[in-house]
Amino acid sequence: MIHQETLNLLEWPRLCQHLSTFAATKMGTLAAQVLVAPSSQVASEALLAQTQEAYWLEEHNNGLNFGGIRDVGAAVERAYRQGLLSGEELLAIATTLNGARQLRRTIDSQPPEDLPVLQALVADLSTHPDLEQQIYHCIDDRGDVTDRASPKLGGIRDRIKSTRQDIQQRLQRILQRQAGAMQEPLITQRGDRFVLPVKAPQKDAVPGIVHDASASGATLYIEPQAVVELGNRLRQLHRQEKTEEEIILRQLSDAVAVVYDDLSALLAIVTELDLAHARARYSLWLGANPPRFTEPHEQTTLRQLRHPLLVWQQRHEQGPEVVPINLLIRPDLRVVAITGPNTGGKTVTLKTLGLAALMARVGLYIPAREPVELPWFEQVLADIGDEQSIEQSLSTFSGHIRRIGRILAALGNGEGQEDEVSEEGKEDWGDEVGEVVAAAAASPHDQGTTSSSPHPLTSCRRTGDRTAKTASTIASTT
């Protein structure tokens, strides 16, 4: 597992945020924002295979369409716990089932040799068209229960309509007979009762129940006695309607609960498809190329490598043009020093390498010229800049030592990156610490990259591949 402090130092959360903008669903967006790197090379290669096929779909089939798919996980969970779903929630489940079925059809309609991974992913997708049709039969486009949902409900609504018409007709007759007593010739409502706006001094002309009055008191809203009984009957009918609607919603909620496992699996598969879709679209936007994980005896090749966050800044925030770098790393190298003056690009180079390692690990393409070849790193560790922990009351130097200690403890297990070891008044300490780290990184099991400015070993970055017993990097800035 990659330490969160390392991810923050490399600005990985920002990259995940950028990736999330390419997702099509809320579920995919949330998953992309908290992207977790897999723990094995096999898993990373599986993600890259998904990305490659989604990329193919983007180029040959206008990509995947996630129309209708909603984040219904909470509703499905509540139905499973015997909760009552609303019409809107049930409608969202129906549209999600339909959207997932269209996704599967799109993928299955392609030649098997082009999309074997995605076709295997959707092979067991259960979209339950019977449940979808049952919901559409009972719930309309606004999320309301339809008249056809049950004969009893239809009958109740017919009686409601008839009773309302009777009330309207009686009130119209009273309006005509008592026009002089009316403040306005209209029928309005207070709560669920139909009333007439009567002038206060002439309230006796319209016997009935006063439900409200205007702010000035000049108008009384009276339900005439002639429609009170009809109003009571209408209220009872509405209660019966609500009871019958709840019965129908309960039946549909129970039907959702029965297929809880299938729906949970469907949402997980759709989210995985959307992540692959987002990775492909982001990679296409970056002009990136697919990486290949190298064997211990192979060279690492990253030509014209661009920092993905700087590419975003250039295109969306009118940032400066991104200067690409070349990283060519022979397998026999253990430590590489990157030297140069301040603001010479050393930190950007090391951050770019760290992000490239993480991007490949989560199944993203790398913004570099083909071929893109690098090891699979079990860990990525970093110490960059003068970041420190205020919460732990550590000085800048102490913060560096703490992170370097973590890197040394993990030596032989991953990729570590470190920057600005020395500080004012402690240049000698920085030299000594840098020498220790570089010496440790030079062990046969690991490989490291260091960069230095006027203070020797001011910035040190280390990459290691425990499995391959090799690693690292020669950096050339172009």
Protein backbone atom coordinates (compact mmCIF):
# COMPACT_ATOMS: atom_id res chain seq x y z
CA MET A 1 0.00 0.00 0.00
CA ILE A 2 1.31 3.44 -0.95
CA HIS A 3 1.68 5.77 2.04
CA GLN A 4 -0.77 8.68 1.90
CA GLU A 5 2.00 11.19 2.66
CA THR A 6 3.84 10.05 -0.46
CA LEU A 7 0.68 10.40 -2.54
CA ASN A 8 0.20 13.93 -1.24
CA LEU A 9 3.81 14.89 -1.94
CA LEU A 10 3.47 13.67 -5.52
CA GLU A 11 0.09 15.46 -5.81
CA TRP A 12 -1.60 12.19 -6.69
CA PRO A 13 -5.00 13.39 -5.36
CA ARG A 14 -4.92 16.20 -7.94
CA LEU A 15 -4.32 13.72 -10.73
CA CYS A 16 -7.20 11.58 -9.45
CA GLN A 17 -9.43 14.65 -9.42
CA HIS A 18 -8.50 15.34 -13.05
CA LEU A 19 -9.20 11.71 -13.94
CA SER A 20 -12.63 11.87 -12.27
CA THR A 21 -13.75 14.59 -14.69
CA PHE A 22 -13.61 12.00 -17.48
CA ALA A 23 -16.00 9.61 -15.69
CA ALA A 24 -19.61 9.41 -16.90
CA THR A 25 -21.38 8.37 -13.69
CA LYS A 26 -21.40 9.60 -10.12
CA MET A 27 -20.11 6.20 -9.02
CA GLY A 28 -17.19 6.37 -11.43
CA THR A 29 -16.42 9.95 -10.40
CA LEU A 30 -16.26 9.08 -6.70
CA ALA A 31 -14.20 5.94 -7.36
CA ALA A 32 -11.70 7.87 -9.50
CA GLN A 33 -11.23 10.49 -6.79
CA VAL A 34 -10.05 7.84 -4.30
CA LEU A 35 -8.21 5.59 -6.73
CA VAL A 36 -6.22 2.88 -4.94
CA ALA A 37 -3.19 1.28 -6.60
CA PRO A 38 -3.42 -2.52 -6.89
CA SER A 39 -1.01 -4.65 -4.90
CA SER A 40 0.24 -6.90 -7.70
CA GLN A 41 1.63 -6.55 -11.19
CA VAL A 42 -0.99 -8.99 -12.49
CA ALA A 43 -3.76 -6.70 -11.25
CA SER A 44 -2.09 -3.67 -12.85
CA GLU A 45 -1.80 -5.49 -16.17
CA ALA A 46 -5.49 -6.42 -15.96
CA LEU A 47 -6.38 -2.74 -15.49
CA LEU A 48 -4.19 -1.77 -18.44
CA ALA A 49 -5.98 -4.38 -20.57
CA GLN A 50 -9.32 -2.79 -19.62
CA THR A 51 -7.97 0.64 -20.48
CA GLN A 52 -6.68 -0.58 -23.83
CA GLU A 53 -10.07 -2.03 -24.82
CA ALA A 54 -11.97 1.06 -23.63
CA TYR A 55 -9.47 3.13 -25.63
CA TRP A 56 -10.25 0.99 -28.70
CA LEU A 57 -13.96 1.63 -28.20
CA GLU A 58 -13.32 5.38 -27.98
CA GLU A 59 -11.52 5.28 -31.33
CA HIS A 60 -13.78 2.84 -33.19
CA ASN A 61 -17.24 3.01 -31.59
CA ASN A 62 -17.54 6.48 -30.01
CA GLY A 63 -16.93 4.93 -26.62
CA LEU A 64 -19.38 3.60 -24.07
CA ASN A 65 -22.72 5.28 -23.35
CA PHE A 66 -23.65 5.36 -19.65
CA GLY A 67 -27.01 7.07 -20.22
CA GLY A 68 -29.66 6.31 -17.61
CA ILE A 69 -27.25 4.88 -15.06
CA ARG A 70 -27.65 6.36 -11.58
CA ASP A 71 -25.99 5.84 -8.23
CA VAL A 72 -28.70 3.64 -6.69
CA GLY A 73 -26.47 1.83 -4.21
CA ALA A 74 -28.05 3.48 -1.16
CA ALA A 75 -31.59 2.73 -2.41
CA VAL A 76 -30.75 -0.92 -3.11
CA GLU A 77 -29.19 -1.25 0.32
CA ARG A 78 -32.25 0.27 2.00
CA ALA A 79 -34.59 -2.06 0.10
CA TYR A 80 -32.48 -5.01 1.27
CA ARG A 81 -33.00 -3.79 4.85
CA GLN A 82 -36.78 -3.76 4.25
CA GLY A 83 -36.98 -0.02 3.71
CA LEU A 84 -39.65 1.53 1.47
CA LEU A 85 -38.31 3.06 -1.74
CA SER A 86 -39.85 6.12 -3.35
CA GLY A 87 -41.09 6.18 -6.92
CA GLU A 88 -38.09 8.29 -7.96
CA GLU A 89 -35.67 5.75 -6.49
CA LEU A 90 -37.42 2.85 -8.19
CA LEU A 91 -37.41 4.70 -11.50
CA ALA A 92 -33.65 5.30 -11.11
CA ILE A 93 -33.16 1.56 -10.56
CA ALA A 94 -35.14 0.79 -13.72
CA THR A 95 -33.15 3.26 -15.84
CA THR A 96 -29.91 1.87 -14.39
CA LEU A 97 -30.91 -1.68 -15.34
CA ASN A 98 -31.70 -0.50 -18.84
CA GLY A 99 -28.45 1.47 -19.10
CA ALA A 100 -26.39 -1.51 -17.94
CA ARG A 101 -28.09 -3.72 -20.53
CA GLN A 102 -27.22 -1.24 -23.28
CA LEU A 103 -23.60 -1.22 -22.10
CA ARG A 104 -23.46 -5.00 -22.31
CA ARG A 105 -24.99 -4.98 -25.80
CA THR A 106 -22.43 -2.43 -26.98
CA ILE A 107 -19.55 -4.53 -25.67
CA ASP A 108 -20.94 -7.88 -26.83
CA SER A 109 -21.62 -6.53 -30.33
CA GLN A 110 -17.88 -6.10 -30.95
CA PRO A 111 -15.62 -8.89 -32.26
CA PRO A 112 -14.51 -11.13 -29.38
CA GLU A 113 -10.85 -10.74 -30.30
CA ASP A 114 -11.08 -6.95 -29.83
CA LEU A 115 -12.69 -6.84 -26.37
CA PRO A 116 -12.01 -10.14 -24.57
CA VAL A 117 -11.44 -8.51 -21.16
CA LEU A 118 -14.52 -6.27 -21.17
CA GLN A 119 -16.71 -9.04 -22.60
CA ALA A 120 -15.59 -11.32 -19.78
CA LEU A 121 -16.38 -8.53 -17.30
CA VAL A 122 -20.00 -8.17 -18.46
CA ALA A 123 -20.60 -11.87 -19.12
CA ASP A 124 -22.32 -12.44 -15.78
CA LEU A 125 -24.11 -9.09 -15.70
CA SER A 126 -27.74 -9.66 -14.63
CA THR A 127 -29.96 -6.75 -15.71
CA HIS A 128 -33.36 -8.27 -14.74
CA PRO A 129 -35.56 -6.93 -17.56
CA ASP A 130 -38.61 -8.36 -15.76
CA LEU A 131 -38.00 -6.10 -12.74
CA GLU A 132 -37.34 -3.16 -15.03
CA GLN A 133 -40.65 -3.66 -16.86
CA GLN A 134 -42.50 -4.14 -13.58
CA ILE A 135 -41.21 -0.78 -12.37
CA TYR A 136 -42.00 0.98 -15.65
CA HIS A 137 -45.53 -0.47 -15.51
CA CYS A 138 -46.12 0.94 -12.02
CA ILE A 139 -44.02 4.15 -12.02
CA ASP A 140 -44.29 6.97 -14.55
CA ASP A 141 -41.54 9.27 -15.83
CA ARG A 142 -42.07 11.67 -12.92
CA GLY A 143 -41.66 8.94 -10.32
CA ASP A 144 -45.38 8.78 -9.49
CA VAL A 145 -47.35 5.55 -9.14
CA THR A 146 -49.47 5.03 -12.26
CA ASP A 147 -53.21 4.35 -12.38
CA ARG A 148 -52.53 0.99 -14.03
CA ALA A 149 -50.36 -0.18 -11.15
CA SER A 150 -53.42 -1.89 -9.62
CA PRO A 151 -57.18 -2.01 -10.39
CA LYS A 152 -57.93 -0.85 -6.85
CA LEU A 153 -55.74 2.22 -7.19
CA GLY A 154 -57.30 3.05 -10.54
CA GLY A 155 -60.78 2.84 -9.02
CA ILE A 156 -59.83 5.08 -6.10
CA ARG A 157 -58.41 7.70 -8.43
CA ASP A 158 -61.57 7.61 -10.56
CA ARG A 159 -63.63 8.37 -7.45
CA ILE A 160 -61.22 11.14 -6.46
CA LYS A 161 -61.63 12.73 -9.88
CA SER A 162 -65.43 12.45 -9.70
CA THR A 163 -65.61 13.89 -6.17
CA ARG A 164 -63.33 16.79 -7.09
CA GLN A 165 -65.53 17.59 -10.07
CA ASP A 166 -68.64 17.59 -7.83
CA ILE A 167 -66.96 20.04 -5.44
CA GLN A 168 -65.90 22.33 -8.29
CA GLN A 169 -69.41 22.37 -9.75
CA ARG A 170 -71.06 23.20 -6.43
CA LEU A 171 -68.56 25.97 -5.69
CA GLN A 172 -69.08 27.46 -9.16
CA ARG A 173 -72.79 27.69 -8.49
CA ILE A 174 -72.17 29.42 -5.15
CA LEU A 175 -69.79 31.87 -6.86
CA GLN A 176 -72.49 32.79 -9.33
CA ARG A 177 -75.24 33.16 -6.69
CA GLN A 178 -73.12 35.11 -4.19
CA ALA A 179 -70.90 37.08 -6.57
CA GLY A 180 -71.33 40.26 -4.54
CA ALA A 181 -69.98 38.61 -1.39
CA MET A 182 -66.80 37.42 -3.11
CA GLN A 183 -63.50 39.29 -2.91
CA GLU A 184 -62.51 37.54 -6.16
CA PRO A 185 -64.48 35.18 -8.41
CA LEU A 186 -62.17 32.19 -7.97
CA ILE A 187 -61.90 28.82 -6.26
CA THR A 188 -58.72 28.27 -4.26
CA GLN A 189 -57.40 25.86 -1.62
CA ARG A 190 -56.21 26.00 1.94
CA GLY A 191 -54.48 22.75 2.77
CA ASP A 192 -56.50 20.00 1.11
CA ARG A 193 -59.81 21.90 1.38
CA PHE A 194 -61.47 23.91 -1.41
CA VAL A 195 -62.47 27.41 -0.31
CA LEU A 196 -63.90 30.70 -1.60
CA PRO A 197 -62.44 34.19 -0.85
CA VAL A 198 -65.35 35.93 0.90
CA LYS A 199 -65.47 39.56 2.03
CA ALA A 200 -65.31 39.57 5.83
CA PRO A 201 -68.38 41.79 6.35
CA GLN A 202 -70.47 39.40 4.21
CA LYS A 203 -69.34 36.09 5.65
CA ASP A 204 -72.90 35.23 6.70
CA ALA A 205 -73.85 35.10 3.03
CA VAL A 206 -71.73 31.96 2.64
CA PRO A 207 -72.25 29.64 5.65
CA GLY A 208 -69.35 27.27 6.20
CA ILE A 209 -65.96 26.72 7.85
CA VAL A 210 -63.39 29.53 7.89
CA HIS A 211 -59.98 27.97 7.11
CA ASP A 212 -57.89 31.14 6.76
CA ALA A 213 -57.93 34.93 6.53
CA SER A 214 -55.89 37.51 4.66
CA ALA A 215 -53.22 39.54 6.46
CA SER A 216 -55.52 42.57 6.55
CA GLY A 217 -58.48 40.52 7.72
CA ALA A 218 -60.59 41.82 4.85
CA THR A 219 -60.88 38.39 3.21
CA LEU A 220 -62.01 35.12 4.77
CA TYR A 221 -61.36 31.80 3.04
CA ILE A 222 -64.51 29.80 3.65
CA GLU A 223 -65.34 26.21 2.77
CA PRO A 224 -69.11 26.41 2.13
CA GLN A 225 -71.24 24.01 4.15
CA ALA A 226 -72.58 22.56 0.90
CA VAL A 227 -69.18 20.97 0.08
CA VAL A 228 -67.89 20.07 3.56
CA GLU A 229 -69.10 16.46 3.32
CA LEU A 230 -67.65 16.13 -0.15
CA GLY A 231 -64.37 17.55 1.18
CA ASN A 232 -64.33 14.92 3.94
CA ARG A 233 -64.97 12.18 1.41
CA LEU A 234 -62.17 13.49 -0.81
CA ARG A 235 -59.77 13.43 2.13
CA GLN A 236 -60.66 9.81 2.88
CA LEU A 237 -60.15 8.86 -0.76
CA HIS A 238 -56.70 10.49 -0.76
CA ARG A 239 -55.79 8.46 2.33
CA GLN A 240 -56.92 5.29 0.58
CA GLU A 241 -54.89 6.32 -2.47
CA LYS A 242 -51.77 6.83 -0.37
CA THR A 243 -52.25 3.46 1.34
CA GLU A 244 -52.60 1.68 -2.00
CA GLU A 245 -49.55 3.52 -3.41
CA GLU A 246 -47.49 2.39 -0.43
CA ILE A 247 -48.62 -1.20 -1.01
CA ILE A 248 -47.38 -0.99 -4.59
CA LEU A 249 -44.11 0.67 -3.55
CA ARG A 250 -43.66 -2.04 -0.93
CA GLN A 251 -44.13 -4.77 -3.52
CA LEU A 252 -41.59 -3.16 -5.84
CA SER A 253 -39.13 -2.54 -2.97
CA ASP A 254 -39.38 -6.20 -1.98
CA ALA A 255 -38.74 -7.20 -5.60
CA VAL A 256 -35.57 -5.08 -5.55
CA ALA A 257 -34.48 -6.70 -2.28
CA VAL A 258 -34.84 -10.19 -3.78
CA VAL A 259 -32.16 -9.41 -6.40
CA TYR A 260 -29.93 -7.43 -4.03
CA ASP A 261 -26.81 -9.49 -4.80
CA ASP A 262 -27.26 -9.12 -8.56
CA LEU A 263 -27.86 -5.38 -8.31
CA SER A 264 -24.82 -4.88 -6.07
CA ALA A 265 -22.69 -6.82 -8.55
CA LEU A 266 -24.17 -4.80 -11.44
CA LEU A 267 -23.23 -1.50 -9.79
CA ALA A 268 -19.70 -2.76 -9.13
CA ILE A 269 -19.30 -3.84 -12.77
CA VAL A 270 -20.70 -0.57 -14.11
CA THR A 271 -18.33 1.37 -11.86
CA GLU A 272 -15.40 -0.71 -13.10
CA LEU A 273 -16.46 -0.07 -16.71
CA ASP A 274 -16.74 3.65 -16.04
CA LEU A 275 -13.28 3.72 -14.47
CA ALA A 276 -11.85 1.98 -17.55
CA HIS A 277 -13.78 4.45 -19.70
CA ALA A 278 -12.40 7.40 -17.69
CA ARG A 279 -8.83 6.06 -17.84
CA ALA A 280 -9.11 5.64 -21.61
CA ARG A 281 -10.56 9.11 -22.17
CA TYR A 282 -7.99 10.75 -19.88
CA SER A 283 -5.17 8.85 -21.61
CA LEU A 284 -6.50 9.89 -25.00
CA TRP A 285 -6.74 13.52 -23.84
CA LEU A 286 -3.14 13.40 -22.58
CA GLY A 287 -1.90 11.94 -25.84
CA ALA A 288 -0.47 9.13 -23.71
CA ASN A 289 0.76 5.67 -24.68
CA PRO A 290 0.36 2.27 -23.02
CA PRO A 291 3.20 1.24 -20.69
CA ARG A 292 4.87 -2.15 -20.61
CA PHE A 293 6.32 -3.50 -17.38
CA THR A 294 9.94 -4.50 -17.91
CA GLU A 295 11.84 -7.58 -16.80
CA PRO A 296 14.90 -7.25 -14.49
CA HIS A 297 17.35 -7.35 -17.41
CA GLU A 298 15.54 -4.70 -19.50
CA GLN A 299 16.12 -0.97 -19.74
CA THR A 300 13.59 1.58 -18.53
CA THR A 301 12.59 3.86 -21.41
CA LEU A 302 10.53 7.03 -20.94
CA ARG A 303 11.11 9.43 -23.84
CA GLN A 304 9.42 12.82 -24.10
CA LEU A 305 7.77 12.21 -20.73
CA ARG A 306 5.49 15.07 -19.65
CA HIS A 307 4.20 15.88 -16.19
CA PRO A 308 0.42 15.21 -16.40
CA LEU A 309 -0.50 17.95 -13.93
CA LEU A 310 1.50 20.49 -15.91
CA VAL A 311 -0.27 19.37 -19.08
CA TRP A 312 -3.59 20.04 -17.34
CA GLN A 313 -2.33 23.42 -16.17
CA GLN A 314 -1.23 24.34 -19.68
CA ARG A 315 -4.54 23.41 -21.30
CA HIS A 316 -7.03 24.50 -18.64
CA GLU A 317 -5.25 27.27 -16.75
CA GLN A 318 -3.20 28.97 -19.46
CA GLY A 319 0.00 27.59 -17.96
CA PRO A 320 3.38 27.59 -19.72
CA GLU A 321 4.32 24.99 -22.29
CA VAL A 322 5.33 21.69 -20.74
CA VAL A 323 8.98 20.75 -21.22
CA PRO A 324 9.30 16.97 -21.75
CA ILE A 325 12.08 14.89 -20.25
CA ASN A 326 13.87 11.72 -21.28
CA LEU A 327 14.51 8.94 -18.77
CA LEU A 328 16.68 6.05 -19.99
CA ILE A 329 17.63 3.65 -17.22
CA ARG A 330 19.98 0.74 -17.72
CA PRO A 331 19.17 -2.34 -15.62
CA ASP A 332 22.68 -2.44 -14.11
CA LEU A 333 22.33 1.01 -12.52
CA ARG A 334 21.48 1.35 -8.84
CA VAL A 335 21.71 5.09 -8.16
CA VAL A 336 21.31 8.08 -10.46
CA ALA A 337 22.15 11.65 -9.42
CA ILE A 338 20.35 14.53 -11.10
CA THR A 339 22.35 17.72 -10.56
CA GLY A 340 21.79 21.32 -11.42
CA PRO A 341 20.95 24.78 -10.07
CA ASN A 342 17.79 25.73 -8.24
CA THR A 343 14.67 25.92 -10.43
CA GLY A 344 16.47 23.70 -12.91
CA GLY A 345 13.70 21.11 -13.11
CA LYS A 346 15.12 18.43 -10.78
CA THR A 347 12.04 18.21 -8.56
CA VAL A 348 9.66 18.21 -11.53
CA THR A 349 11.68 15.41 -13.11
CA LEU A 350 11.49 13.28 -10.00
CA LYS A 351 7.79 14.00 -9.44
CA THR A 352 7.08 13.13 -13.05
CA LEU A 353 8.83 9.80 -12.64
CA GLY A 354 6.92 9.07 -9.43
CA LEU A 355 3.58 9.87 -11.07
CA ALA A 356 4.48 7.77 -14.11
CA ALA A 357 5.12 4.77 -11.84
CA LEU A 358 1.75 5.29 -10.11
CA MET A 359 -0.14 5.89 -13.35
CA ALA A 360 1.12 2.65 -14.86
CA ARG A 361 0.24 0.80 -11.69
CA VAL A 362 -3.43 1.91 -11.73
CA GLY A 363 -3.89 1.18 -15.44
CA LEU A 364 -3.35 4.63 -16.94
CA TYR A 365 -1.35 5.34 -20.06
CA ILE A 366 1.82 7.41 -19.67
CA PRO A 367 2.24 10.79 -21.42
CA ALA A 368 5.43 9.75 -23.19
CA ARG A 369 6.51 8.67 -26.64
CA GLU A 370 6.36 4.98 -27.49
CA PRO A 371 7.81 2.65 -26.41
CA VAL A 372 6.91 3.28 -22.75
CA GLU A 373 8.80 0.74 -20.64
CA LEU A 374 9.31 0.80 -16.87
CA PRO A 375 9.40 -1.64 -13.94
CA TRP A 376 6.39 -2.39 -11.77
CA PHE A 377 7.18 -0.87 -8.37
CA GLU A 378 5.84 -2.54 -5.26
CA GLN A 379 6.12 0.71 -3.29
CA VAL A 380 6.62 4.37 -4.01
CA LEU A 381 8.16 6.45 -1.21
CA ALA A 382 8.87 10.17 -1.33
CA ASP A 383 10.52 13.03 0.51
CA ILE A 384 10.06 16.21 -1.48
CA GLY A 385 10.63 19.88 -0.74
CA ASP A 386 10.43 21.43 2.71
CA GLU A 387 7.07 19.93 3.68
CA GLN A 388 6.83 19.36 7.41
CA SER A 389 4.33 18.21 10.03
CA ILE A 390 3.09 21.15 12.07
CA GLU A 391 0.79 18.81 13.97
CA GLN A 392 3.76 16.85 15.32
CA SER A 393 5.75 20.07 15.95
CA LEU A 394 8.60 18.83 13.77
CA SER A 395 11.14 21.14 12.20
CA THR A 396 11.72 21.00 8.47
CA PHE A 397 14.83 18.95 8.99
CA SER A 398 13.16 16.59 11.46
CA GLY A 399 10.32 16.06 9.00
CA HIS A 400 12.84 15.03 6.37
CA ILE A 401 14.58 12.64 8.76
CA ARG A 402 11.28 10.99 9.65
CA ARG A 403 10.43 10.39 5.99
CA ILE A 404 13.95 9.26 5.15
CA GLY A 405 13.73 6.81 8.01
CA ARG A 406 10.60 5.37 6.47
CA ILE A 407 12.34 5.10 3.11
CA LEU A 408 15.35 3.33 4.63
CA ALA A 409 13.06 0.95 6.52
CA ALA A 410 11.36 0.04 3.25
CA LEU A 411 14.62 -0.15 1.30
CA GLY A 412 14.49 -3.08 -1.03
CA ASN A 413 10.69 -2.95 -1.25
CA GLY A 414 9.87 -0.04 -3.49
CA GLU A 415 10.51 3.32 -5.03
CA GLY A 416 11.46 6.23 -2.81
CA GLN A 417 11.76 9.91 -3.57
CA GLU A 418 13.30 12.59 -1.43
CA ASP A 419 14.04 16.30 -1.79
CA GLU A 420 15.71 19.17 0.10
CA VAL A 421 17.44 17.15 2.80
CA SER A 422 19.72 19.95 3.98
CA GLU A 423 18.59 23.27 5.36
CA GLU A 424 20.29 26.44 6.50
CA GLY A 425 22.86 25.74 9.18
CA LYS A 426 22.70 21.99 8.56
CA GLU A 427 24.39 21.57 5.20
CA ASP A 428 26.86 19.07 6.60
CA TRP A 429 24.05 17.01 8.07
CA GLY A 430 22.33 17.05 4.67
CA ASP A 431 25.52 15.84 3.01
CA GLU A 432 25.90 12.99 5.47
CA VAL A 433 22.25 11.95 5.32
CA GLY A 434 22.30 12.06 1.54
CA GLU A 435 25.41 9.90 1.43
CA VAL A 436 23.78 7.33 3.74
CA VAL A 437 20.63 7.18 1.63
CA ALA A 438 22.57 6.94 -1.61
CA ALA A 439 24.78 4.19 -0.19
CA ALA A 440 21.74 2.24 0.98
CA ALA A 441 20.05 2.69 -2.39
CA ALA A 442 23.16 1.33 -4.11
CA SER A 443 22.70 -2.12 -2.56
CA PRO A 444 22.34 -4.95 -5.09
CA HIS A 445 18.64 -5.23 -4.28
CA ASP A 446 17.73 -1.65 -5.04
CA GLN A 447 18.26 1.30 -7.23
CA GLY A 448 18.04 5.01 -6.55
CA THR A 449 17.89 8.37 -8.18
CA THR A 450 19.37 11.47 -6.58
CA SER A 451 19.45 15.06 -7.66
CA SER A 452 21.56 17.84 -6.26
CA SER A 453 21.71 21.62 -6.37
CA PRO A 454 24.53 23.73 -4.86
CA HIS A 455 24.26 21.73 -1.63
CA PRO A 456 25.40 18.14 -2.30
CA LEU A 457 22.53 15.68 -2.33
CA THR A 458 20.01 18.36 -1.49
CA SER A 459 17.43 16.28 -3.36
CA CYS A 460 17.48 12.52 -3.42
CA ARG A 461 15.00 10.21 -5.05
CA ARG A 462 15.17 6.49 -4.92
CA THR A 463 13.37 3.85 -6.92
CA GLY A 464 13.49 0.19 -6.19
CA ASP A 465 11.99 -3.02 -7.52
CA ARG A 466 12.17 -5.76 -4.94
CA THR A 467 10.94 -8.52 -7.21
CA ALA A 468 13.17 -7.69 -10.12
CA LYS A 469 16.16 -6.94 -7.89
CA THR A 470 16.78 -3.95 -10.13
CA ALA A 471 15.29 -0.59 -10.78
CA SER A 472 16.00 2.85 -11.56
CA THR A 473 16.94 5.71 -13.72
CA ILE A 474 19.16 7.96 -15.69
CA ALA A 475 17.46 11.29 -16.28
CA SER A 476 18.04 13.60 -19.19
CA THR A 477 16.08 16.86 -19.37
CA THR A 478 15.15 18.21 -22.82
